[in-house]
Amino acid sequence: ATAFAMVLVAIDAPAMPSLVVAGGIMVLVPGYAMVASVQDALTGFPISGAARGLEVILTAIGIGSVPWLSSPKWAIVSVLLVDAWQWTPFVFLVMLAALQSVPPELYEVAALDTASGWKVFTRITLPLVRAPLGTVVILRFVEAMKVFDIPYTLTNGGPGIATRTLTYDIYTTALRNQNFGYSAAMAVLMLIIVLIVTFIFFRVYGDIYD
């Protein structure tokens, strides 16, 4: 989701009509606004509907049908696709707000100095949206660490243990195996990992918020 939003930033977003961007966001908002369990239960869009369309294309080019949920490899891909579809609107909204906060005068001056869109992106746009981008990255990391609902409702951790996340293991250890002590230790370990990564992130990139 973060990479997809940054593609929007890179393709000369300041010249893109806000109405077009807002229209794209409105199409994607239901994925984020929808209750996660309902979204996963109604995976007819990302898995059944979109997958059927993809399978038609894959069959046409000779790859054939893809076992989206029965293959360990493709089950992971399916979970990642649903998670990206759910969170892309959030990233879009944050990055759109960041882009709209960039003074347009800077782009006008840059247009007189250089015709390179890449230089404008790397020297004006990216430095000015680093703080919102950093916030999105760390929030997405925390969300990815605690993802549970999508693999639980989509694949139930399967096939086998292919899509079992750390939070899913915490759930099964505590509520299915009744091993609350081990489950609590896993939860504390996950918290420590998140705190360490967050601490390192702010130590390295904390200057972007100054």
Protein backbone atom coordinates (compact mmCIF):
# COMPACT_ATOMS: atom_id res chain seq x y z
CA ALA A 1 0.00 0.00 0.00
CA THR A 2 2.80 2.42 0.90
CA ALA A 3 4.70 1.65 -2.30
CA PHE A 4 1.52 2.09 -4.36
CA ALA A 5 0.90 5.50 -2.85
CA MET A 6 4.49 6.53 -3.50
CA VAL A 7 4.02 5.66 -7.17
CA LEU A 8 1.30 8.29 -7.18
CA VAL A 9 3.74 10.77 -5.66
CA ALA A 10 6.41 9.95 -8.22
CA ILE A 11 4.25 10.46 -11.31
CA ASP A 12 4.12 14.22 -11.03
CA ALA A 13 1.31 14.25 -8.51
CA PRO A 14 1.22 18.06 -8.18
CA ALA A 15 0.01 18.32 -11.76
CA MET A 16 -2.63 15.67 -11.24
CA PRO A 17 -6.12 17.09 -10.70
CA SER A 18 -7.19 16.67 -7.10
CA LEU A 19 -10.58 15.51 -8.30
CA VAL A 20 -9.05 12.48 -10.02
CA VAL A 21 -7.05 11.54 -6.93
CA ALA A 22 -10.06 12.03 -4.67
CA GLY A 23 -12.17 9.91 -7.00
CA GLY A 24 -9.64 7.10 -6.79
CA ILE A 25 -9.65 7.32 -3.02
CA MET A 26 -13.44 7.14 -2.90
CA VAL A 27 -13.27 3.89 -4.85
CA LEU A 28 -10.81 2.45 -2.34
CA VAL A 29 -12.29 3.82 0.89
CA PRO A 30 -14.79 0.95 1.38
CA GLY A 31 -11.89 -1.46 1.77
CA TYR A 32 -10.60 0.47 4.76
CA ALA A 33 -13.93 1.55 6.20
CA MET A 34 -15.42 -1.96 6.06
CA VAL A 35 -15.20 -3.97 9.25
CA ALA A 36 -12.22 -6.27 8.72
CA SER A 37 -14.02 -9.53 9.47
CA VAL A 38 -16.82 -8.62 7.07
CA GLN A 39 -14.28 -7.68 4.44
CA ASP A 40 -12.52 -11.01 4.81
CA ALA A 41 -15.79 -12.91 4.77
CA LEU A 42 -16.75 -11.06 1.61
CA THR A 43 -13.50 -11.80 -0.16
CA GLY A 44 -15.50 -12.12 -3.33
CA PHE A 45 -13.81 -8.94 -4.53
CA PRO A 46 -10.13 -9.52 -3.89
CA ILE A 47 -10.13 -13.31 -4.11
CA SER A 48 -13.11 -14.65 -6.03
CA GLY A 49 -13.93 -11.81 -8.42
CA ALA A 50 -10.50 -10.35 -9.05
CA ALA A 51 -8.87 -13.78 -8.96
CA ARG A 52 -11.21 -15.06 -11.66
CA GLY A 53 -10.27 -12.09 -13.82
CA LEU A 54 -6.59 -12.74 -13.17
CA GLU A 55 -7.02 -16.42 -13.96
CA VAL A 56 -8.52 -15.56 -17.34
CA ILE A 57 -5.43 -13.48 -18.10
CA LEU A 58 -3.04 -16.12 -16.73
CA THR A 59 -4.77 -18.85 -18.73
CA ALA A 60 -4.57 -16.72 -21.87
CA ILE A 61 -0.79 -16.39 -21.50
CA GLY A 62 -0.36 -20.08 -20.75
CA ILE A 63 0.17 -20.06 -16.97
CA GLY A 64 -3.20 -21.57 -16.10
CA SER A 65 -5.34 -21.52 -12.99
CA VAL A 66 -3.79 -20.34 -9.71
CA PRO A 67 -4.64 -22.14 -6.41
CA TRP A 68 -5.11 -18.92 -4.45
CA LEU A 69 -5.98 -20.49 -1.10
CA SER A 70 -4.98 -24.15 -1.48
CA SER A 71 -1.32 -23.54 -2.23
CA PRO A 72 0.91 -22.35 0.65
CA LYS A 73 2.75 -19.92 -1.61
CA TRP A 74 -0.37 -18.43 -3.17
CA ALA A 75 -2.22 -18.36 0.14
CA ILE A 76 0.43 -15.96 1.46
CA VAL A 77 0.03 -13.85 -1.68
CA SER A 78 -3.74 -13.79 -1.18
CA VAL A 79 -3.42 -12.61 2.42
CA LEU A 80 -0.97 -9.90 1.34
CA LEU A 81 -3.31 -8.73 -1.42
CA VAL A 82 -6.29 -8.45 0.92
CA ASP A 83 -4.20 -6.60 3.51
CA ALA A 84 -2.87 -4.20 0.87
CA TRP A 85 -6.38 -3.58 -0.48
CA GLN A 86 -7.64 -2.84 3.02
CA TRP A 87 -4.89 -0.36 3.92
CA THR A 88 -4.21 1.36 0.58
CA PRO A 89 -6.95 4.00 1.18
CA PHE A 90 -5.38 4.99 4.50
CA VAL A 91 -1.99 5.51 2.84
CA PHE A 92 -3.64 7.40 -0.02
CA LEU A 93 -5.43 9.76 2.34
CA VAL A 94 -2.28 10.52 4.35
CA MET A 95 -0.10 11.01 1.28
CA LEU A 96 -2.74 13.12 -0.46
CA ALA A 97 -2.89 15.43 2.56
CA ALA A 98 0.91 15.60 2.56
CA LEU A 99 1.04 16.42 -1.15
CA GLN A 100 -1.57 19.14 -0.83
CA SER A 101 0.46 20.74 1.96
CA VAL A 102 3.43 21.30 -0.38
CA PRO A 103 3.43 24.96 -1.49
CA PRO A 104 2.68 25.09 -5.24
CA GLU A 105 5.09 28.02 -5.60
CA LEU A 106 7.97 25.59 -5.14
CA TYR A 107 6.90 23.63 -8.22
CA GLU A 108 6.51 26.82 -10.22
CA VAL A 109 10.06 27.90 -9.36
CA ALA A 110 11.37 24.40 -10.05
CA ALA A 111 9.67 24.39 -13.46
CA LEU A 112 11.68 27.46 -14.40
CA ASP A 113 14.94 25.91 -13.19
CA THR A 114 14.65 22.33 -14.43
CA ALA A 115 12.45 20.20 -16.64
CA SER A 116 13.35 16.96 -14.86
CA GLY A 117 10.40 15.51 -12.98
CA TRP A 118 12.76 13.18 -11.10
CA LYS A 119 14.76 16.09 -9.68
CA VAL A 120 11.55 17.83 -8.63
CA PHE A 121 10.44 14.64 -6.90
CA THR A 122 13.71 13.92 -5.10
CA ARG A 123 14.58 17.49 -4.14
CA ILE A 124 11.16 19.02 -3.40
CA THR A 125 8.32 16.52 -3.08
CA LEU A 126 10.04 13.67 -1.23
CA PRO A 127 11.82 15.81 1.41
CA LEU A 128 8.57 17.64 2.19
CA VAL A 129 6.51 14.45 2.59
CA ARG A 130 9.12 12.46 4.52
CA ALA A 131 7.42 12.97 7.88
CA PRO A 132 3.97 11.69 6.79
CA LEU A 133 5.64 8.89 4.83
CA GLY A 134 7.66 7.86 7.89
CA THR A 135 4.50 7.85 9.99
CA VAL A 136 2.75 5.64 7.45
CA VAL A 137 5.68 3.23 7.30
CA ILE A 138 5.87 2.76 11.07
CA LEU A 139 2.08 2.44 11.40
CA ARG A 140 1.99 -0.16 8.64
CA PHE A 141 4.80 -2.07 10.32
CA VAL A 142 2.87 -2.19 13.60
CA GLU A 143 -0.30 -3.25 11.77
CA ALA A 144 1.57 -5.95 9.86
CA MET A 145 3.00 -7.30 13.09
CA LYS A 146 -0.41 -7.65 14.70
CA VAL A 147 -2.42 -8.83 11.69
CA PHE A 148 -4.77 -11.60 12.76
CA ASP A 149 -8.22 -11.18 11.28
CA ILE A 150 -7.29 -11.68 7.62
CA PRO A 151 -5.47 -15.05 7.90
CA TYR A 152 -7.98 -16.20 10.52
CA THR A 153 -11.07 -15.62 8.39
CA LEU A 154 -9.48 -16.16 4.99
CA THR A 155 -7.36 -19.29 5.44
CA ASN A 156 -7.59 -20.18 9.15
CA GLY A 157 -3.81 -20.15 9.19
CA GLY A 158 -3.54 -22.69 6.40
CA PRO A 159 -2.91 -24.48 4.27
CA GLY A 160 -0.91 -26.18 6.98
CA ILE A 161 0.80 -23.35 8.82
CA ALA A 162 1.59 -21.26 5.73
CA THR A 163 -0.31 -18.14 6.80
CA ARG A 164 0.03 -18.39 10.58
CA THR A 165 1.19 -15.04 11.86
CA LEU A 166 2.67 -14.32 15.28
CA THR A 167 -0.65 -13.02 16.58
CA TYR A 168 -2.40 -16.09 15.19
CA ASP A 169 0.05 -18.30 17.08
CA ILE A 170 -0.60 -16.28 20.25
CA TYR A 171 -4.33 -16.84 19.79
CA THR A 172 -4.08 -20.58 19.16
CA THR A 173 -1.58 -21.11 21.99
CA ALA A 174 -3.80 -19.34 24.50
CA LEU A 175 -7.37 -20.12 23.49
CA ARG A 176 -7.01 -23.45 21.73
CA ASN A 177 -4.08 -25.07 23.53
CA GLN A 178 -4.84 -23.37 26.87
CA ASN A 179 -1.15 -22.53 27.32
CA PHE A 180 -1.61 -19.02 28.66
CA GLY A 181 1.90 -18.59 30.07
CA TYR A 182 3.62 -19.37 26.76
CA SER A 183 1.09 -17.22 24.91
CA ALA A 184 1.74 -14.28 27.24
CA ALA A 185 5.49 -14.67 26.69
CA MET A 186 4.96 -14.58 22.91
CA ALA A 187 2.84 -11.44 23.24
CA VAL A 188 5.53 -9.72 25.33
CA LEU A 189 8.17 -10.78 22.79
CA MET A 190 6.10 -9.25 19.98
CA LEU A 191 5.76 -6.02 21.97
CA ILE A 192 9.53 -5.91 22.52
CA ILE A 193 10.19 -6.44 18.79
CA VAL A 194 7.81 -3.61 17.86
CA LEU A 195 9.33 -1.28 20.46
CA ILE A 196 12.89 -2.03 19.29
CA VAL A 197 12.08 -1.44 15.61
CA THR A 198 10.15 1.73 16.46
CA PHE A 199 13.00 3.00 18.65
CA ILE A 200 15.57 2.34 15.90
CA PHE A 201 13.33 4.02 13.33
CA PHE A 202 12.98 7.21 15.37
CA ARG A 203 16.69 7.21 16.25
CA VAL A 204 17.64 7.00 12.58
CA TYR A 205 14.87 9.07 10.99
CA GLY A 206 13.75 11.22 13.92
CA ASP A 207 15.17 14.34 12.27
CA ILE A 208 12.41 14.29 9.65
CA TYR A 209 9.96 15.37 12.35
CA ASP A 210 12.02 18.39 13.44
